[in-house]
């Protein structure tokens, strides 16, 4: 009986540790200046990594590398032109799929849908108006993750806090969902 109790306790501890390692905490610019938006630091419970543009120049925003511990991949727009920001594909570790706006028009950036083989997430601004980009809610299977600017003001897009309560969603998928909030925040705050 004691042996079963110890094994159950050990399995519970391992499961709890795995879940806690899956939590995003912050995303913030690595540098300052006019190109600050090209390099971001990602922080989880127990590791850190980067999201950075692949290329330089005016179209640098269309393709991003993701590196976190042993997780590597890319997020890129599918189309070209001014509306390229409305649909992205991602291939990170063993996960791939798309993120796209739910609606068309000027406010299309406020509602997104992430689809992969196993996961479907809804990404939406919480509020409306000019500052809607400052606070987001990501939902899947009845759980949520909130992504919001840490500070207020013109440069508030540079630092984001995350309240990650998305249970049973891999960190790779959460990074992509948070990326679209941060990217939209920068892109639509200007």
N, C-alpha and C. Protein backbone atom coordinates (compact mmCIF):
# COMPACT_ATOMS: atom_id res chain seq x y z
N UNK A 1 0.82 -1.19 0.00
CA UNK A 1 0.00 0.00 0.00
C UNK A 1 0.87 1.26 0.00
N UNK A 2 1.90 1.26 0.83
CA UNK A 2 2.80 2.41 0.92
C UNK A 2 3.52 2.61 -0.42
N UNK A 3 3.89 1.51 -1.05
CA UNK A 3 4.57 1.58 -2.35
C UNK A 3 3.66 2.23 -3.40
N UNK A 4 2.38 1.85 -3.43
CA UNK A 4 1.43 2.45 -4.37
C UNK A 4 1.25 3.94 -4.09
N UNK A 5 1.19 4.30 -2.82
CA UNK A 5 1.05 5.70 -2.44
C UNK A 5 2.26 6.52 -2.89
N UNK A 6 3.46 5.97 -2.71
CA UNK A 6 4.68 6.65 -3.15
C UNK A 6 4.73 6.80 -4.66
N UNK A 7 4.35 5.77 -5.39
CA UNK A 7 4.34 5.83 -6.85
C UNK A 7 3.32 6.85 -7.33
N UNK A 8 2.11 6.84 -6.74
CA UNK A 8 1.09 7.81 -7.11
C UNK A 8 1.56 9.22 -6.82
N UNK A 9 2.19 9.42 -5.67
CA UNK A 9 2.71 10.74 -5.31
C UNK A 9 3.79 11.19 -6.28
N UNK A 10 4.68 10.28 -6.66
CA UNK A 10 5.75 10.60 -7.61
C UNK A 10 5.16 10.96 -8.97
N UNK A 11 4.19 10.21 -9.46
CA UNK A 11 3.56 10.51 -10.74
C UNK A 11 2.85 11.86 -10.70
N UNK A 12 2.19 12.17 -9.59
CA UNK A 12 1.54 13.46 -9.44
C UNK A 12 2.56 14.59 -9.48
N UNK A 13 3.69 14.41 -8.81
CA UNK A 13 4.75 15.43 -8.80
C UNK A 13 5.33 15.65 -10.19
N UNK A 14 5.57 14.57 -10.91
CA UNK A 14 6.10 14.68 -12.28
C UNK A 14 5.10 15.39 -13.17
N UNK A 15 3.81 15.03 -13.07
CA UNK A 15 2.77 15.68 -13.87
C UNK A 15 2.68 17.16 -13.53
N UNK A 16 2.73 17.51 -12.25
CA UNK A 16 2.67 18.91 -11.85
C UNK A 16 3.86 19.69 -12.39
N UNK A 17 5.06 19.08 -12.34
CA UNK A 17 6.25 19.74 -12.86
C UNK A 17 6.12 19.95 -14.36
N UNK A 18 5.64 18.97 -15.09
CA UNK A 18 5.47 19.10 -16.54
C UNK A 18 4.49 20.21 -16.88
N UNK A 19 3.40 20.31 -16.12
CA UNK A 19 2.42 21.35 -16.38
C UNK A 19 3.02 22.72 -16.08
N UNK A 20 3.77 22.83 -14.95
CA UNK A 20 4.33 24.14 -14.61
C UNK A 20 5.38 24.58 -15.62
N UNK A 21 6.09 23.66 -16.23
CA UNK A 21 7.09 24.01 -17.23
C UNK A 21 6.44 24.50 -18.51
N UNK A 22 5.19 24.34 -18.63
CA UNK A 22 4.46 24.68 -19.84
C UNK A 22 3.86 26.08 -19.78
N UNK A 23 4.15 26.86 -18.76
CA UNK A 23 3.53 28.16 -18.56
C UNK A 23 4.39 29.29 -19.12
N UNK A 24 3.79 30.13 -19.97
CA UNK A 24 4.46 31.33 -20.44
C UNK A 24 4.32 32.41 -19.37
N UNK A 25 5.33 33.27 -19.25
CA UNK A 25 5.31 34.34 -18.25
C UNK A 25 5.37 35.73 -18.88
N UNK A 26 6.36 35.99 -19.75
CA UNK A 26 6.53 37.31 -20.35
C UNK A 26 7.09 37.21 -21.76
N UNK A 27 6.84 38.27 -22.52
CA UNK A 27 7.50 38.48 -23.80
C UNK A 27 7.86 39.96 -23.81
N UNK A 28 9.14 40.25 -24.10
CA UNK A 28 9.55 41.66 -24.13
C UNK A 28 10.65 41.87 -25.16
N UNK A 29 10.77 43.12 -25.61
CA UNK A 29 11.80 43.42 -26.60
C UNK A 29 13.17 43.22 -25.96
N UNK A 30 14.10 42.74 -26.77
CA UNK A 30 15.45 42.49 -26.31
C UNK A 30 16.27 43.76 -26.30
N UNK A 31 16.04 44.61 -27.29
CA UNK A 31 16.81 45.85 -27.44
C UNK A 31 15.87 47.05 -27.41
N UNK A 32 16.44 48.24 -27.46
CA UNK A 32 15.63 49.46 -27.56
C UNK A 32 15.91 50.10 -28.92
N UNK A 33 15.23 51.17 -29.22
CA UNK A 33 15.44 51.85 -30.49
C UNK A 33 14.38 51.51 -31.51
N UNK A 34 14.55 52.02 -32.71
CA UNK A 34 13.52 51.87 -33.75
C UNK A 34 13.36 50.43 -34.24
N UNK A 35 14.38 49.60 -34.08
CA UNK A 35 14.29 48.20 -34.51
C UNK A 35 13.99 47.24 -33.36
N UNK A 36 13.58 47.75 -32.23
CA UNK A 36 13.32 46.92 -31.05
C UNK A 36 12.32 45.81 -31.33
N UNK A 37 11.38 46.05 -32.23
CA UNK A 37 10.32 45.07 -32.53
C UNK A 37 10.85 43.81 -33.22
N UNK A 38 12.10 43.80 -33.67
CA UNK A 38 12.63 42.66 -34.42
C UNK A 38 13.15 41.53 -33.54
N UNK A 39 13.36 41.77 -32.26
CA UNK A 39 13.92 40.76 -31.36
C UNK A 39 13.19 40.77 -30.03
N UNK A 40 12.65 39.62 -29.65
CA UNK A 40 11.87 39.48 -28.42
C UNK A 40 12.44 38.36 -27.56
N UNK A 41 12.35 38.53 -26.26
CA UNK A 41 12.72 37.48 -25.31
C UNK A 41 11.43 36.87 -24.78
N UNK A 42 11.39 35.53 -24.74
CA UNK A 42 10.26 34.78 -24.20
C UNK A 42 10.71 34.19 -22.87
N UNK A 43 9.86 34.28 -21.86
CA UNK A 43 10.18 33.69 -20.56
C UNK A 43 9.08 32.72 -20.16
N UNK A 44 9.48 31.50 -19.78
CA UNK A 44 8.54 30.52 -19.23
C UNK A 44 8.89 30.31 -17.76
N UNK A 45 8.25 29.35 -17.13
CA UNK A 45 8.55 29.04 -15.73
C UNK A 45 10.01 28.70 -15.50
N UNK A 46 10.63 28.01 -16.45
CA UNK A 46 11.97 27.52 -16.19
C UNK A 46 12.97 27.72 -17.32
N UNK A 47 12.61 28.48 -18.34
CA UNK A 47 13.57 28.72 -19.41
C UNK A 47 13.25 30.03 -20.13
N UNK A 48 14.15 30.41 -20.99
CA UNK A 48 13.91 31.61 -21.79
C UNK A 48 14.38 31.34 -23.21
N UNK A 49 13.89 32.15 -24.13
CA UNK A 49 14.24 31.98 -25.53
C UNK A 49 14.00 33.27 -26.29
N UNK A 50 13.92 33.14 -27.62
CA UNK A 50 13.79 34.33 -28.46
C UNK A 50 12.82 34.10 -29.60
N UNK A 51 12.21 35.21 -30.01
CA UNK A 51 11.47 35.30 -31.28
C UNK A 51 12.14 36.45 -32.02
N UNK A 52 12.65 36.20 -33.22
CA UNK A 52 13.37 37.23 -33.98
C UNK A 52 13.02 37.17 -35.45
N UNK A 53 13.08 38.33 -36.09
CA UNK A 53 12.84 38.36 -37.53
C UNK A 53 13.95 37.59 -38.24
N UNK A 54 13.59 36.93 -39.33
CA UNK A 54 14.55 36.16 -40.11
C UNK A 54 15.36 37.09 -41.01
N UNK A 55 14.69 38.08 -41.57
CA UNK A 55 15.32 38.98 -42.53
C UNK A 55 15.34 40.41 -41.99
N UNK A 56 16.01 41.30 -42.69
CA UNK A 56 15.98 42.71 -42.33
C UNK A 56 15.24 43.47 -43.42
N UNK A 57 15.09 44.76 -43.25
CA UNK A 57 14.40 45.55 -44.27
C UNK A 57 12.93 45.74 -43.96
N UNK A 58 12.21 46.34 -44.89
CA UNK A 58 10.79 46.68 -44.68
C UNK A 58 9.89 45.47 -44.49
N UNK A 59 10.24 44.34 -45.09
CA UNK A 59 9.41 43.14 -44.98
C UNK A 59 9.87 42.17 -43.90
N UNK A 60 10.76 42.62 -43.02
CA UNK A 60 11.30 41.75 -41.97
C UNK A 60 10.20 41.15 -41.11
N UNK A 61 9.09 41.86 -40.92
CA UNK A 61 8.01 41.40 -40.05
C UNK A 61 7.29 40.16 -40.58
N UNK A 62 7.56 39.75 -41.79
CA UNK A 62 6.80 38.65 -42.40
C UNK A 62 7.31 37.26 -42.06
N UNK A 63 8.50 37.15 -41.46
CA UNK A 63 9.04 35.83 -41.14
C UNK A 63 9.85 35.89 -39.84
N UNK A 64 9.56 34.97 -38.92
CA UNK A 64 10.15 34.99 -37.58
C UNK A 64 10.69 33.61 -37.20
N UNK A 65 11.86 33.60 -36.55
CA UNK A 65 12.40 32.38 -35.95
C UNK A 65 11.98 32.32 -34.49
N UNK A 66 11.68 31.11 -34.01
CA UNK A 66 11.34 30.88 -32.61
C UNK A 66 12.36 29.90 -32.05
N UNK A 67 13.00 30.28 -30.94
CA UNK A 67 13.98 29.42 -30.29
C UNK A 67 13.77 29.49 -28.78
N UNK A 68 13.47 28.35 -28.19
CA UNK A 68 13.27 28.26 -26.74
C UNK A 68 13.72 26.88 -26.30
N UNK A 69 14.78 26.82 -25.51
CA UNK A 69 15.34 25.54 -25.07
C UNK A 69 15.55 24.64 -26.30
N UNK A 70 14.87 23.52 -26.36
CA UNK A 70 15.01 22.61 -27.51
C UNK A 70 13.92 22.81 -28.55
N UNK A 71 13.18 23.90 -28.42
CA UNK A 71 12.08 24.19 -29.34
C UNK A 71 12.56 25.19 -30.39
N UNK A 72 12.48 24.81 -31.65
CA UNK A 72 12.86 25.69 -32.75
C UNK A 72 11.80 25.64 -33.82
N UNK A 73 11.63 26.76 -34.51
CA UNK A 73 10.67 26.78 -35.60
C UNK A 73 10.54 28.15 -36.22
N UNK A 74 9.48 28.29 -37.00
CA UNK A 74 9.28 29.53 -37.74
C UNK A 74 7.79 29.86 -37.83
N UNK A 75 7.52 31.18 -37.81
CA UNK A 75 6.19 31.72 -38.05
C UNK A 75 6.32 32.67 -39.22
N UNK A 76 5.51 32.50 -40.28
CA UNK A 76 5.64 33.34 -41.48
C UNK A 76 4.27 33.66 -42.08
N UNK A 77 4.21 34.81 -42.72
CA UNK A 77 2.98 35.15 -43.43
C UNK A 77 2.84 34.21 -44.63
N UNK A 78 1.62 33.99 -45.05
CA UNK A 78 1.35 33.12 -46.18
C UNK A 78 1.31 33.92 -47.48
N UNK A 79 0.78 35.14 -47.38
CA UNK A 79 0.63 35.97 -48.57
C UNK A 79 1.61 37.13 -48.54
N UNK A 80 1.67 37.88 -49.61
CA UNK A 80 2.48 39.10 -49.64
C UNK A 80 1.54 40.30 -49.74
N UNK A 81 2.10 41.49 -49.69
CA UNK A 81 1.29 42.70 -49.79
C UNK A 81 0.91 43.25 -48.43
N UNK A 82 0.13 44.31 -48.45
CA UNK A 82 -0.24 45.01 -47.22
C UNK A 82 -1.09 44.18 -46.28
N UNK A 83 -1.86 43.24 -46.81
CA UNK A 83 -2.73 42.41 -45.96
C UNK A 83 -2.09 41.08 -45.57
N UNK A 84 -0.80 40.94 -45.80
CA UNK A 84 -0.11 39.68 -45.48
C UNK A 84 -0.23 39.33 -44.00
N UNK A 85 -0.40 40.31 -43.13
CA UNK A 85 -0.49 40.08 -41.69
C UNK A 85 -1.75 39.33 -41.28
N UNK A 86 -2.70 39.15 -42.19
CA UNK A 86 -3.97 38.52 -41.84
C UNK A 86 -3.92 37.00 -41.79
N UNK A 87 -2.89 36.38 -42.37
CA UNK A 87 -2.80 34.92 -42.34
C UNK A 87 -1.34 34.49 -42.25
N UNK A 88 -1.06 33.63 -41.28
CA UNK A 88 0.29 33.14 -41.00
C UNK A 88 0.28 31.61 -40.96
N UNK A 89 1.44 31.02 -41.22
CA UNK A 89 1.59 29.60 -40.94
C UNK A 89 2.72 29.45 -39.92
N UNK A 90 2.72 28.34 -39.22
CA UNK A 90 3.78 28.08 -38.25
C UNK A 90 4.20 26.63 -38.31
N UNK A 91 5.47 26.41 -38.02
CA UNK A 91 6.05 25.08 -37.95
C UNK A 91 7.08 25.14 -36.83
N UNK A 92 6.68 24.71 -35.65
CA UNK A 92 7.53 24.79 -34.47
C UNK A 92 7.58 23.41 -33.82
N UNK A 93 8.79 22.88 -33.69
CA UNK A 93 8.99 21.54 -33.17
C UNK A 93 8.12 20.58 -34.00
N UNK A 94 7.21 19.86 -33.37
CA UNK A 94 6.37 18.92 -34.12
C UNK A 94 4.97 19.47 -34.37
N UNK A 95 4.78 20.77 -34.20
CA UNK A 95 3.47 21.39 -34.39
C UNK A 95 3.48 22.33 -35.58
N UNK A 96 2.44 22.25 -36.38
CA UNK A 96 2.29 23.20 -37.49
C UNK A 96 0.82 23.50 -37.68
N UNK A 97 0.58 24.62 -38.35
CA UNK A 97 -0.79 25.04 -38.59
C UNK A 97 -0.85 26.46 -39.08
N UNK A 98 -2.01 27.10 -38.89
CA UNK A 98 -2.21 28.47 -39.35
C UNK A 98 -2.82 29.32 -38.26
N UNK A 99 -2.62 30.63 -38.40
CA UNK A 99 -3.30 31.65 -37.60
C UNK A 99 -3.87 32.62 -38.60
N UNK A 100 -5.14 32.94 -38.48
CA UNK A 100 -5.73 33.91 -39.40
C UNK A 100 -6.82 34.72 -38.73
N UNK A 101 -7.06 35.89 -39.30
CA UNK A 101 -8.13 36.73 -38.76
C UNK A 101 -9.47 36.04 -39.01
N UNK A 102 -10.38 36.24 -38.09
CA UNK A 102 -11.72 35.65 -38.20
C UNK A 102 -12.58 36.49 -39.15
N UNK A 103 -12.42 37.81 -39.08
CA UNK A 103 -13.23 38.72 -39.88
C UNK A 103 -12.34 39.52 -40.83
N UNK A 104 -12.96 40.26 -41.73
CA UNK A 104 -12.24 41.18 -42.63
C UNK A 104 -12.51 42.61 -42.17
N UNK A 105 -11.86 43.56 -42.79
CA UNK A 105 -12.09 44.96 -42.47
C UNK A 105 -11.02 45.53 -41.56
N UNK A 106 -11.21 46.77 -41.17
CA UNK A 106 -10.21 47.49 -40.38
C UNK A 106 -9.94 46.87 -39.02
N UNK A 107 -10.95 46.26 -38.41
CA UNK A 107 -10.79 45.67 -37.08
C UNK A 107 -10.50 44.17 -37.12
N UNK A 108 -10.14 43.64 -38.28
CA UNK A 108 -9.88 42.20 -38.42
C UNK A 108 -8.82 41.71 -37.44
N UNK A 109 -7.85 42.55 -37.11
CA UNK A 109 -6.74 42.15 -36.24
C UNK A 109 -7.17 41.86 -34.81
N UNK A 110 -8.40 42.16 -34.45
CA UNK A 110 -8.86 41.98 -33.07
C UNK A 110 -9.33 40.57 -32.76
N UNK A 111 -9.56 39.75 -33.79
CA UNK A 111 -10.03 38.37 -33.59
C UNK A 111 -9.28 37.43 -34.52
N UNK A 112 -8.68 36.40 -33.92
CA UNK A 112 -7.87 35.42 -34.65
C UNK A 112 -8.30 34.00 -34.28
N UNK A 113 -7.97 33.09 -35.18
CA UNK A 113 -8.17 31.68 -34.92
C UNK A 113 -6.88 30.95 -35.25
N UNK A 114 -6.42 30.14 -34.30
CA UNK A 114 -5.24 29.31 -34.51
C UNK A 114 -5.71 27.88 -34.70
N UNK A 115 -5.26 27.25 -35.77
CA UNK A 115 -5.63 25.86 -36.06
C UNK A 115 -4.39 25.03 -36.31
N UNK A 116 -4.31 23.89 -35.64
CA UNK A 116 -3.28 22.90 -35.93
C UNK A 116 -3.99 21.55 -35.95
N UNK A 117 -3.25 20.49 -36.14
CA UNK A 117 -3.87 19.16 -36.22
C UNK A 117 -4.74 18.84 -35.01
N UNK A 118 -4.24 19.15 -33.81
CA UNK A 118 -4.93 18.76 -32.59
C UNK A 118 -5.56 19.92 -31.82
N UNK A 119 -5.19 21.14 -32.16
CA UNK A 119 -5.60 22.27 -31.32
C UNK A 119 -6.27 23.36 -32.12
N UNK A 120 -7.27 23.98 -31.47
CA UNK A 120 -7.95 25.14 -32.05
C UNK A 120 -8.10 26.16 -30.93
N UNK A 121 -7.55 27.36 -31.15
CA UNK A 121 -7.60 28.42 -30.15
C UNK A 121 -8.23 29.66 -30.74
N UNK A 122 -8.93 30.40 -29.90
CA UNK A 122 -9.50 31.70 -30.29
C UNK A 122 -8.69 32.78 -29.58
N UNK A 123 -8.26 33.79 -30.31
CA UNK A 123 -7.42 34.87 -29.79
C UNK A 123 -8.16 36.18 -30.06
N UNK A 124 -8.51 36.91 -29.02
CA UNK A 124 -9.32 38.12 -29.19
C UNK A 124 -8.90 39.21 -28.22
N UNK A 125 -9.07 40.45 -28.68
CA UNK A 125 -8.88 41.56 -27.75
C UNK A 125 -10.02 41.54 -26.75
N UNK A 126 -9.74 41.99 -25.55
CA UNK A 126 -10.78 42.01 -24.51
C UNK A 126 -11.66 43.24 -24.66
N UNK A 127 -11.04 44.36 -25.04
CA UNK A 127 -11.76 45.61 -25.15
C UNK A 127 -11.79 46.10 -26.59
N UNK A 128 -12.55 47.13 -26.85
CA UNK A 128 -12.56 47.75 -28.18
C UNK A 128 -11.92 49.12 -28.08
N UNK A 129 -11.84 49.83 -29.17
CA UNK A 129 -11.26 51.17 -29.16
C UNK A 129 -9.81 51.19 -29.58
N UNK A 130 -9.20 52.35 -29.51
CA UNK A 130 -7.82 52.54 -29.98
C UNK A 130 -6.79 51.73 -29.20
N UNK A 131 -7.06 51.46 -27.93
CA UNK A 131 -6.11 50.73 -27.10
C UNK A 131 -6.46 49.25 -26.95
N UNK A 132 -7.32 48.74 -27.80
CA UNK A 132 -7.74 47.34 -27.72
C UNK A 132 -6.56 46.38 -27.79
N UNK A 133 -5.50 46.76 -28.49
CA UNK A 133 -4.33 45.90 -28.67
C UNK A 133 -3.57 45.63 -27.37
N UNK A 134 -3.90 46.32 -26.29
CA UNK A 134 -3.13 46.19 -25.05
C UNK A 134 -3.52 45.00 -24.18
N UNK A 135 -4.67 44.37 -24.48
CA UNK A 135 -5.09 43.25 -23.65
C UNK A 135 -5.83 42.21 -24.49
N UNK A 136 -5.39 40.96 -24.37
CA UNK A 136 -5.90 39.85 -25.18
C UNK A 136 -6.32 38.68 -24.30
N UNK A 137 -7.23 37.88 -24.84
CA UNK A 137 -7.62 36.63 -24.19
C UNK A 137 -7.54 35.52 -25.23
N UNK A 138 -6.90 34.44 -24.84
CA UNK A 138 -6.76 33.27 -25.70
C UNK A 138 -7.51 32.14 -25.02
N UNK A 139 -8.41 31.50 -25.75
CA UNK A 139 -9.24 30.45 -25.15
C UNK A 139 -9.13 29.15 -25.95
N UNK A 140 -9.21 28.05 -25.20
CA UNK A 140 -9.24 26.71 -25.80
C UNK A 140 -9.74 25.73 -24.75
N UNK A 141 -10.67 24.92 -25.12
CA UNK A 141 -11.17 23.85 -24.24
C UNK A 141 -11.57 24.35 -22.85
N UNK A 142 -12.17 25.52 -22.77
CA UNK A 142 -12.64 26.05 -21.50
C UNK A 142 -11.58 26.69 -20.62
N UNK A 143 -10.34 26.76 -21.07
CA UNK A 143 -9.32 27.43 -20.28
C UNK A 143 -8.81 28.66 -21.04
N UNK A 144 -8.11 29.55 -20.33
CA UNK A 144 -7.71 30.82 -20.93
C UNK A 144 -6.26 31.19 -20.63
N UNK A 145 -5.75 32.07 -21.46
CA UNK A 145 -4.47 32.72 -21.23
C UNK A 145 -4.67 34.18 -21.58
N UNK A 146 -4.24 35.08 -20.68
CA UNK A 146 -4.34 36.51 -20.95
C UNK A 146 -2.96 37.07 -21.24
N UNK A 147 -2.90 37.89 -22.26
CA UNK A 147 -1.65 38.55 -22.67
C UNK A 147 -1.93 40.04 -22.63
N UNK A 148 -1.15 40.80 -21.86
CA UNK A 148 -1.44 42.22 -21.71
C UNK A 148 -0.14 43.01 -21.52
N UNK A 149 -0.19 44.27 -21.92
CA UNK A 149 0.99 45.12 -21.76
C UNK A 149 1.27 45.33 -20.27
N UNK A 150 2.54 45.28 -19.93
CA UNK A 150 2.94 45.44 -18.54
C UNK A 150 2.82 46.89 -18.09
N UNK A 151 3.09 47.81 -19.02
CA UNK A 151 3.04 49.24 -18.72
C UNK A 151 2.07 49.94 -19.66
N UNK A 152 1.78 51.20 -19.37
CA UNK A 152 0.93 51.99 -20.26
C UNK A 152 1.82 52.99 -21.00
N UNK A 153 1.24 53.74 -21.92
CA UNK A 153 2.02 54.74 -22.66
C UNK A 153 2.33 54.30 -24.08
N UNK A 154 3.03 55.15 -24.80
CA UNK A 154 3.31 54.91 -26.22
C UNK A 154 4.15 53.67 -26.48
N UNK A 155 5.08 53.36 -25.60
CA UNK A 155 5.96 52.21 -25.81
C UNK A 155 5.52 50.97 -25.06
N UNK A 156 4.27 50.92 -24.63
CA UNK A 156 3.81 49.78 -23.84
C UNK A 156 3.83 48.47 -24.63
N UNK A 157 3.90 48.53 -25.96
CA UNK A 157 3.97 47.32 -26.78
C UNK A 157 5.28 46.56 -26.58
N UNK A 158 6.25 47.14 -25.90
CA UNK A 158 7.57 46.52 -25.75
C UNK A 158 7.64 45.46 -24.65
N UNK A 159 6.68 45.44 -23.74
CA UNK A 159 6.75 44.47 -22.65
C UNK A 159 5.36 43.94 -22.34
N UNK A 160 5.24 42.61 -22.35
CA UNK A 160 3.96 41.93 -22.17
C UNK A 160 4.04 40.94 -21.02
N UNK A 161 3.00 40.91 -20.21
CA UNK A 161 2.86 39.94 -19.13
C UNK A 161 1.82 38.90 -19.57
N UNK A 162 1.98 37.70 -19.07
CA UNK A 162 1.10 36.61 -19.49
C UNK A 162 0.58 35.87 -18.26
N UNK A 163 -0.73 35.71 -18.19
CA UNK A 163 -1.38 34.91 -17.16
C UNK A 163 -1.84 33.63 -17.87
N UNK A 164 -1.01 32.61 -17.79
CA UNK A 164 -1.19 31.39 -18.57
C UNK A 164 -1.95 30.34 -17.77
N UNK A 165 -3.21 30.18 -18.14
CA UNK A 165 -4.05 29.13 -17.54
C UNK A 165 -4.60 28.20 -18.61
N UNK A 166 -3.89 28.14 -19.73
CA UNK A 166 -4.29 27.24 -20.81
C UNK A 166 -3.79 25.83 -20.48
N UNK A 167 -4.66 25.03 -19.95
CA UNK A 167 -4.30 23.68 -19.55
C UNK A 167 -4.22 22.77 -20.78
N UNK A 168 -3.27 21.87 -20.74
CA UNK A 168 -3.12 20.82 -21.75
C UNK A 168 -2.84 21.36 -23.16
N UNK A 169 -2.34 22.57 -23.26
CA UNK A 169 -1.94 23.13 -24.55
C UNK A 169 -0.41 23.21 -24.54
N UNK A 170 0.26 22.64 -25.53
CA UNK A 170 1.73 22.67 -25.56
C UNK A 170 2.27 24.10 -25.63
N UNK A 171 3.43 24.30 -25.04
CA UNK A 171 4.04 25.62 -25.02
C UNK A 171 4.30 26.14 -26.43
N UNK A 172 4.58 25.26 -27.38
CA UNK A 172 4.80 25.68 -28.77
C UNK A 172 3.58 26.40 -29.33
N UNK A 173 2.40 25.86 -29.07
CA UNK A 173 1.15 26.45 -29.55
C UNK A 173 0.89 27.77 -28.82
N UNK A 174 1.16 27.81 -27.53
CA UNK A 174 0.95 29.04 -26.76
C UNK A 174 1.88 30.16 -27.23
N UNK A 175 3.10 29.81 -27.60
CA UNK A 175 4.03 30.83 -28.12
C UNK A 175 3.46 31.47 -29.38
N UNK A 176 2.92 30.65 -30.27
CA UNK A 176 2.35 31.18 -31.51
C UNK A 176 1.16 32.08 -31.21
N UNK A 177 0.29 31.66 -30.30
CA UNK A 177 -0.88 32.46 -29.94
C UNK A 177 -0.46 33.79 -29.32
N UNK A 178 0.52 33.75 -28.42
CA UNK A 178 1.00 34.99 -27.80
C UNK A 178 1.70 35.87 -28.83
N UNK A 179 2.42 35.25 -29.77
CA UNK A 179 3.10 36.01 -30.81
C UNK A 179 2.12 36.91 -31.56
N UNK A 180 0.96 36.38 -31.93
CA UNK A 180 0.03 37.18 -32.73
C UNK A 180 -0.50 38.36 -31.92
N UNK A 181 -0.64 38.21 -30.61
CA UNK A 181 -1.04 39.33 -29.75
C UNK A 181 0.03 40.41 -29.74
N UNK A 182 1.27 39.99 -29.52
CA UNK A 182 2.39 40.93 -29.44
C UNK A 182 2.62 41.60 -30.79
N UNK A 183 2.59 40.81 -31.86
CA UNK A 183 2.77 41.38 -33.20
C UNK A 183 1.66 42.39 -33.52
N UNK A 184 0.41 42.02 -33.26
CA UNK A 184 -0.71 42.93 -33.50
C UNK A 184 -0.59 44.17 -32.65
N UNK A 185 -0.15 44.00 -31.41
CA UNK A 185 0.04 45.14 -30.55
C UNK A 185 1.04 46.13 -31.11
N UNK A 186 2.15 45.63 -31.59
CA UNK A 186 3.14 46.52 -32.20
C UNK A 186 2.60 47.10 -33.51
N UNK A 187 2.13 46.25 -34.39
CA UNK A 187 1.75 46.63 -35.74
C UNK A 187 0.59 47.64 -35.75
N UNK A 188 -0.37 47.47 -34.85
CA UNK A 188 -1.55 48.32 -34.85
C UNK A 188 -1.52 49.44 -33.82
N UNK A 189 -0.44 49.54 -33.05
CA UNK A 189 -0.30 50.65 -32.11
C UNK A 189 0.36 51.85 -32.77
N UNK A 190 0.91 51.68 -33.95
CA UNK A 190 1.65 52.76 -34.62
C UNK A 190 0.73 53.62 -35.45
